[in-house]
């Protein structure tokens, strides 16, 4: 039973070849290409509006140096939100439920923000490890704690995204199985679980969008500390 539940998170294979690469490339097919026309269609207008709102909310608190990351973080946000939402469709696979993939996103970008901080102002970055006015006896302990919290940031980014999506998929799987079995025994209970499944699906769509935004928002906060 447990193996069947967690089999949905295994990377699918076809003739022994992992399909993870195809799952990562597929979302880009659904994004319309920019047009040179004076008037765009509704899909392009909606996409441009969403990207403008996202960039305004994310990069407005930053200085000009942080704006050079706009293209990278916007592209990553669009990729994450697409992977999360497409994974909710039947007979699909969600790559962002894999911790290894999320860490592959989180670790290099976090490291890039740290390197950027040391390159621009190493004194300012090191000052975050020791708050001003700390008693002398607490200095070694606080330095160790702040150092651990600094290095645990990429792990927190990857685990947060993986855990939230995995929990939602498991809940949907359990409720859908309960609905399937109750249809042949007790229809009123099956109707209740079906209603619960509908609201869980709406909640999971919201979680897919929010977790993609939180991932990028935390990266932007780390970047803001180092520029």
Protein backbone atom coordinates (compact mmCIF):
# COMPACT_ATOMS: atom_id res chain seq x y z
CA UNK A 1 0.00 0.00 0.00
CA UNK A 2 2.77 2.43 1.00
CA UNK A 3 4.83 1.53 -2.04
CA UNK A 4 1.88 2.20 -4.32
CA UNK A 5 1.35 5.64 -2.78
CA UNK A 6 4.96 6.71 -3.22
CA UNK A 7 5.39 5.20 -6.68
CA UNK A 8 3.84 8.36 -8.10
CA UNK A 9 6.98 10.26 -7.09
CA UNK A 10 9.39 7.95 -8.92
CA UNK A 11 10.95 9.32 -12.07
CA UNK A 12 9.17 7.61 -15.01
CA UNK A 13 11.17 5.47 -17.44
CA UNK A 14 10.57 4.59 -21.07
CA UNK A 15 12.70 1.78 -22.49
CA UNK A 16 15.05 2.34 -19.57
CA UNK A 17 15.48 6.06 -20.37
CA UNK A 18 14.45 8.58 -17.65
CA UNK A 19 11.77 11.00 -18.82
CA UNK A 20 12.73 13.72 -16.34
CA UNK A 21 14.42 15.80 -19.05
CA UNK A 22 11.25 15.76 -21.18
CA UNK A 23 9.18 16.76 -18.14
CA UNK A 24 11.48 19.76 -17.60
CA UNK A 25 11.40 20.88 -21.23
CA UNK A 26 7.65 20.41 -21.84
CA UNK A 27 6.37 23.49 -19.89
CA UNK A 28 8.16 25.88 -22.24
CA UNK A 29 5.97 24.67 -25.10
CA UNK A 30 2.89 26.22 -23.48
CA UNK A 31 4.33 29.74 -23.23
CA UNK A 32 3.48 31.93 -26.22
CA UNK A 33 6.37 33.65 -27.97
CA UNK A 34 6.56 37.47 -27.88
CA UNK A 35 4.99 39.15 -30.85
CA UNK A 36 6.16 42.19 -32.82
CA UNK A 37 2.59 43.32 -33.51
CA UNK A 38 1.17 46.48 -32.02
CA UNK A 39 -1.70 44.59 -30.38
CA UNK A 40 -1.11 41.23 -28.69
CA UNK A 41 -3.69 38.54 -28.11
CA UNK A 42 -5.28 37.96 -24.71
CA UNK A 43 -2.87 35.17 -23.76
CA UNK A 44 0.20 37.30 -24.40
CA UNK A 45 -1.35 40.26 -22.59
CA UNK A 46 -2.13 38.11 -19.56
CA UNK A 47 1.36 36.61 -19.53
CA UNK A 48 3.03 40.01 -19.81
CA UNK A 49 0.81 41.44 -17.09
CA UNK A 50 1.60 38.59 -14.69
CA UNK A 51 5.33 38.90 -15.35
CA UNK A 52 5.17 42.67 -14.82
CA UNK A 53 3.37 42.26 -11.49
CA UNK A 54 5.84 39.58 -10.38
CA UNK A 55 8.89 41.67 -11.30
CA UNK A 56 7.45 44.77 -9.64
CA UNK A 57 6.75 42.94 -6.37
CA UNK A 58 10.09 41.09 -6.36
CA UNK A 59 12.61 43.67 -7.55
CA UNK A 60 11.15 46.96 -6.36
CA UNK A 61 12.86 46.76 -2.91
CA UNK A 62 16.26 46.04 -4.54
CA UNK A 63 18.83 48.46 -5.87
CA UNK A 64 19.95 48.58 -9.49
CA UNK A 65 22.53 45.79 -9.04
CA UNK A 66 19.80 43.32 -8.11
CA UNK A 67 17.80 44.09 -11.25
CA UNK A 68 20.35 42.17 -13.33
CA UNK A 69 18.87 38.99 -11.81
CA UNK A 70 15.38 39.79 -13.11
CA UNK A 71 15.54 37.61 -16.22
CA UNK A 72 16.96 34.59 -14.36
CA UNK A 73 14.53 34.67 -11.45
CA UNK A 74 11.52 35.38 -13.67
CA UNK A 75 12.38 32.45 -15.95
CA UNK A 76 12.85 30.18 -12.92
CA UNK A 77 9.51 31.33 -11.48
CA UNK A 78 7.69 30.56 -14.74
CA UNK A 79 9.38 27.14 -14.89
CA UNK A 80 8.53 26.22 -11.30
CA UNK A 81 4.92 27.34 -11.52
CA UNK A 82 4.48 25.42 -14.79
CA UNK A 83 6.01 22.23 -13.41
CA UNK A 84 3.89 22.45 -10.27
CA UNK A 85 0.63 23.02 -12.14
CA UNK A 86 1.23 20.51 -14.93
CA UNK A 87 2.00 17.87 -12.31
CA UNK A 88 -1.60 18.08 -11.11
CA UNK A 89 -2.93 16.74 -14.40
CA UNK A 90 -3.72 13.01 -14.66
CA UNK A 91 -0.99 10.68 -15.96
CA UNK A 92 1.71 13.31 -15.48
CA UNK A 93 4.83 13.57 -13.38
CA UNK A 94 5.85 16.44 -11.10
CA UNK A 95 9.66 16.92 -11.23
CA UNK A 96 9.56 19.40 -8.33
CA UNK A 97 8.57 16.61 -5.93
CA UNK A 98 12.18 15.39 -6.29
CA UNK A 99 14.46 16.84 -3.60
CA UNK A 100 17.51 16.39 -5.81
CA UNK A 101 16.03 18.62 -8.52
CA UNK A 102 14.94 21.31 -6.06
CA UNK A 103 18.39 21.31 -4.49
CA UNK A 104 19.88 21.65 -7.96
CA UNK A 105 17.85 24.86 -8.29
CA UNK A 106 18.41 26.15 -4.75
CA UNK A 107 22.09 25.41 -4.06
CA UNK A 108 23.74 27.14 -7.08
CA UNK A 109 21.52 30.22 -6.83
CA UNK A 110 22.05 30.55 -3.09
CA UNK A 111 25.79 30.14 -3.58
CA UNK A 112 25.71 32.79 -6.30
CA UNK A 113 24.07 35.26 -3.91
CA UNK A 114 26.71 34.55 -1.25
CA UNK A 115 29.58 34.92 -3.73
CA UNK A 116 28.04 38.16 -4.98
CA UNK A 117 27.91 39.46 -1.42
CA UNK A 118 31.54 38.60 -0.69
CA UNK A 119 32.57 40.11 -4.00
CA UNK A 120 30.76 43.40 -3.46
CA UNK A 121 31.19 43.88 0.29
CA UNK A 122 32.66 41.06 2.35
CA UNK A 123 32.60 43.18 5.52
CA UNK A 124 28.86 43.74 5.20
CA UNK A 125 28.22 40.03 4.66
CA UNK A 126 30.35 38.99 7.63
CA UNK A 127 28.58 41.56 9.80
CA UNK A 128 25.36 39.53 9.44
CA UNK A 129 27.03 36.72 11.40
CA UNK A 130 27.26 38.87 14.51
CA UNK A 131 24.47 41.31 15.47
CA UNK A 132 25.55 44.66 16.85
CA UNK A 133 25.64 44.95 20.62
CA UNK A 134 26.09 41.22 21.32
CA UNK A 135 27.60 40.44 24.74
CA UNK A 136 31.16 39.13 24.62
CA UNK A 137 30.29 35.73 26.11
CA UNK A 138 27.63 35.11 23.44
CA UNK A 139 29.80 36.03 20.45
CA UNK A 140 31.14 32.49 19.69
CA UNK A 141 27.71 30.91 20.09
CA UNK A 142 25.96 33.48 17.89
CA UNK A 143 28.61 33.20 15.18
CA UNK A 144 28.13 29.42 15.07
CA UNK A 145 24.34 29.73 15.01
CA UNK A 146 24.34 32.38 12.25
CA UNK A 147 26.82 30.35 10.21
CA UNK A 148 24.64 27.25 10.47
CA UNK A 149 21.55 29.27 9.53
CA UNK A 150 23.41 30.63 6.49
CA UNK A 151 24.42 27.20 5.20
CA UNK A 152 21.01 25.66 5.90
CA UNK A 153 19.22 28.13 3.62
CA UNK A 154 19.49 26.10 0.39
CA UNK A 155 18.34 22.96 2.22
CA UNK A 156 15.34 24.85 3.58
CA UNK A 157 14.49 26.09 0.07
CA UNK A 158 14.58 22.61 -1.45
CA UNK A 159 12.87 20.79 1.42
CA UNK A 160 10.06 23.37 1.67
CA UNK A 161 9.14 23.04 -2.00
CA UNK A 162 9.43 19.23 -1.97
CA UNK A 163 7.51 18.70 1.26
CA UNK A 164 4.57 20.95 0.37
CA UNK A 165 4.05 19.44 -3.07
CA UNK A 166 4.54 15.87 -1.85
CA UNK A 167 2.06 16.32 1.01
CA UNK A 168 -0.57 17.74 -1.33
CA UNK A 169 -0.17 14.95 -3.88
CA UNK A 170 -0.42 12.31 -1.16
CA UNK A 171 -3.62 13.85 0.23
CA UNK A 172 -5.19 13.92 -3.24
CA UNK A 173 -4.13 10.32 -3.82
CA UNK A 174 -5.59 9.11 -0.51
CA UNK A 175 -8.89 10.97 -0.91
CA UNK A 176 -9.30 9.82 -4.53
CA UNK A 177 -8.69 6.19 -3.49
CA UNK A 178 -11.28 6.57 -0.70
CA UNK A 179 -13.77 8.03 -3.19
CA UNK A 180 -13.19 5.16 -5.62
CA UNK A 181 -13.79 2.47 -3.01
CA UNK A 182 -16.78 4.20 -1.39
CA UNK A 183 -18.70 4.46 -4.68
CA UNK A 184 -19.51 0.75 -4.51
CA UNK A 185 -20.42 0.75 -0.81
CA UNK A 186 -21.91 4.04 0.36
CA UNK A 187 -22.71 6.73 -2.20
CA UNK A 188 -23.38 9.63 0.25
CA UNK A 189 -19.94 9.17 1.78
CA UNK A 190 -18.42 8.94 -1.70
CA UNK A 191 -20.09 12.24 -2.61
CA UNK A 192 -18.61 13.86 0.51
CA UNK A 193 -15.10 12.61 -0.28
CA UNK A 194 -15.53 13.75 -3.89
CA UNK A 195 -16.43 17.23 -2.66
CA UNK A 196 -13.38 17.16 -0.39
CA UNK A 197 -11.26 16.07 -3.35
CA UNK A 198 -12.52 19.04 -5.39
CA UNK A 199 -11.56 21.54 -2.68
CA UNK A 200 -8.22 19.79 -2.14
CA UNK A 201 -7.47 20.17 -5.84
CA UNK A 202 -8.22 23.90 -5.68
CA UNK A 203 -6.01 24.15 -2.58
CA UNK A 204 -3.21 22.27 -4.33
CA UNK A 205 -3.39 24.65 -7.31
CA UNK A 206 -2.98 27.55 -4.89
CA UNK A 207 -0.08 25.75 -3.16
CA UNK A 208 1.62 25.13 -6.51
CA UNK A 209 1.52 28.84 -7.32
CA UNK A 210 2.40 30.05 -3.83
CA UNK A 211 5.35 27.68 -3.36
CA UNK A 212 6.88 28.75 -6.67
CA UNK A 213 6.52 32.39 -5.60
CA UNK A 214 7.91 31.72 -2.10
CA UNK A 215 10.94 29.95 -3.58
CA UNK A 216 11.79 32.97 -5.73
CA UNK A 217 10.87 35.46 -3.01
CA UNK A 218 13.30 33.88 -0.55
CA UNK A 219 16.03 33.86 -3.18
CA UNK A 220 15.38 37.55 -3.81
CA UNK A 221 15.63 38.25 -0.07
CA UNK A 222 18.97 36.42 0.08
CA UNK A 223 20.11 38.45 -2.90
CA UNK A 224 18.93 41.68 -1.30
CA UNK A 225 21.13 41.00 1.73
CA UNK A 226 24.21 40.63 -0.46
CA UNK A 227 23.98 43.57 -2.86
